[in-house]
Protein backbone atom coordinates (compact mmCIF):
# COMPACT_ATOMS: atom_id res chain seq x y z
CA MET A 1 -57.69 -59.04 24.13
CA LEU A 2 -58.91 -55.92 22.34
CA GLU A 3 -62.07 -55.88 24.45
CA ARG A 4 -60.02 -56.18 27.64
CA ALA A 5 -57.74 -53.33 26.53
CA GLN A 6 -60.76 -51.18 25.68
CA ALA A 7 -62.24 -51.84 29.13
CA GLN A 8 -58.91 -50.98 30.76
CA ALA A 9 -58.66 -47.74 28.78
CA ASP A 10 -62.26 -46.85 29.58
CA ALA A 11 -61.47 -47.35 33.28
CA GLY A 12 -58.49 -45.00 33.02
CA LEU A 13 -55.96 -47.81 33.26
CA LEU A 14 -53.96 -46.55 30.31
CA ARG A 15 -50.64 -48.22 31.13
CA GLU A 16 -52.36 -51.58 31.52
CA ALA A 17 -54.31 -51.04 28.31
CA ALA A 18 -51.10 -50.14 26.48
CA ASP A 19 -49.41 -53.29 27.78
CA THR A 20 -52.34 -55.44 26.67
CA LEU A 21 -52.40 -53.80 23.25
CA GLN A 22 -48.64 -54.10 22.83
CA GLU A 23 -48.98 -57.83 23.44
CA LEU A 24 -51.84 -58.01 20.95
CA VAL A 25 -49.98 -56.22 18.14
CA SER A 26 -46.86 -58.27 18.80
CA ARG A 27 -49.00 -61.34 18.03
CA ASP A 28 -50.89 -59.79 15.12
CA ALA A 29 -49.27 -56.69 13.63
CA LEU A 30 -52.08 -56.34 11.08
CA ARG A 31 -54.73 -55.31 13.65
CA ALA A 32 -55.40 -51.69 12.69
CA ASP A 33 -58.04 -51.43 15.43
CA ALA A 34 -55.48 -52.42 18.06
CA TRP A 35 -52.91 -49.97 16.68
CA ALA A 36 -55.52 -47.19 16.79
CA LEU A 37 -56.39 -47.87 20.42
CA LEU A 38 -52.72 -48.20 21.30
CA GLY A 39 -52.13 -44.79 19.69
CA ALA A 40 -54.91 -43.29 21.77
CA THR A 41 -53.52 -44.78 24.97
CA ARG A 42 -50.03 -43.56 24.12
CA LEU A 43 -51.46 -40.07 23.64
CA GLY A 44 -53.17 -40.34 27.00
CA LEU A 45 -49.87 -41.32 28.57
CA GLY A 46 -48.13 -38.32 26.98
CA SER A 47 -46.00 -40.38 24.59
CA GLU A 48 -46.63 -38.43 21.39
CA PRO A 49 -43.83 -40.00 19.28
CA GLU A 50 -45.05 -43.51 20.12
CA ALA A 51 -48.64 -42.49 19.45
CA GLU A 52 -47.64 -41.06 16.09
CA GLU A 53 -45.97 -44.33 15.12
CA CYS A 54 -49.13 -46.21 16.05
CA PHE A 55 -51.33 -43.94 13.94
CA ARG A 56 -48.89 -44.27 11.03
CA ARG A 57 -49.33 -48.03 11.23
CA VAL A 58 -53.11 -47.60 11.18
CA VAL A 59 -52.87 -45.50 8.01
CA TYR A 60 -50.52 -48.04 6.46
CA LEU A 61 -53.07 -50.78 7.12
CA ARG A 62 -56.15 -48.64 6.36
CA PRO A 63 -55.14 -45.73 4.10
CA ASP A 64 -58.62 -44.19 4.28
CA ASP A 65 -58.84 -44.09 8.09
CA ALA A 66 -59.90 -40.46 8.55
CA LEU A 67 -59.59 -40.53 12.34
CA ALA A 68 -55.99 -41.77 12.25
CA LEU A 69 -55.18 -39.14 9.61
CA LEU A 70 -56.67 -36.43 11.83
CA GLN A 71 -54.69 -37.69 14.82
CA LEU A 72 -51.51 -37.51 12.74
CA SER A 73 -52.49 -34.03 11.59
CA ALA A 74 -52.93 -32.84 15.18
CA LEU A 75 -49.57 -34.30 16.17
CA ALA A 76 -47.86 -32.64 13.20
CA GLU A 77 -49.47 -29.32 14.06
CA ALA A 78 -48.39 -29.64 17.70
CA ARG A 79 -44.77 -29.97 16.64
CA GLY A 80 -45.09 -27.00 14.28
CA ASP A 81 -45.26 -28.86 10.98
CA ASP A 82 -48.19 -26.94 9.54
CA ALA A 83 -47.66 -28.13 5.96
CA THR A 84 -47.91 -31.78 6.94
CA ALA A 85 -50.86 -31.05 9.21
CA HIS A 86 -52.71 -29.34 6.34
CA ARG A 87 -51.94 -32.19 3.91
CA LEU A 88 -53.19 -34.81 6.37
CA ARG A 89 -56.40 -32.85 7.14
CA ALA A 90 -57.10 -32.53 3.42
CA ARG A 91 -56.55 -36.27 2.95
CA ALA A 92 -58.91 -37.04 5.86
CA ALA A 93 -61.56 -34.77 4.32
CA ARG A 94 -61.30 -36.67 1.03
CA CYS A 95 -61.79 -39.94 2.92
CA ASP A 96 -64.91 -38.60 4.62
CA ARG A 97 -66.37 -37.47 1.29
CA ARG A 98 -65.81 -40.93 -0.20
CA ASP A 99 -67.61 -42.49 2.77
CA GLU A 100 -70.63 -40.22 2.23
CA GLY A 101 -70.95 -40.91 -1.45
């Protein structure tokens, strides 16, 4: 299902991809990869609050997911929460440094 959703998203079929991913996470809520792609599709559809919830789930499942942390940082910054955005960027940077070492 994830591969189908990725193909749909790649083809610009974001609503279809989101529907496929929603079905996938309803079956297996522990799929961080599916939550991450669902967050990206929600962003593409202009649903920032839903995207943010998806990225929060990714970070819950994978606390060191730098990309999800950066997505959350950008969303916080967009709504004017600079302190949270800064904290999330710093956390993402720490994750990247651990990956390098």
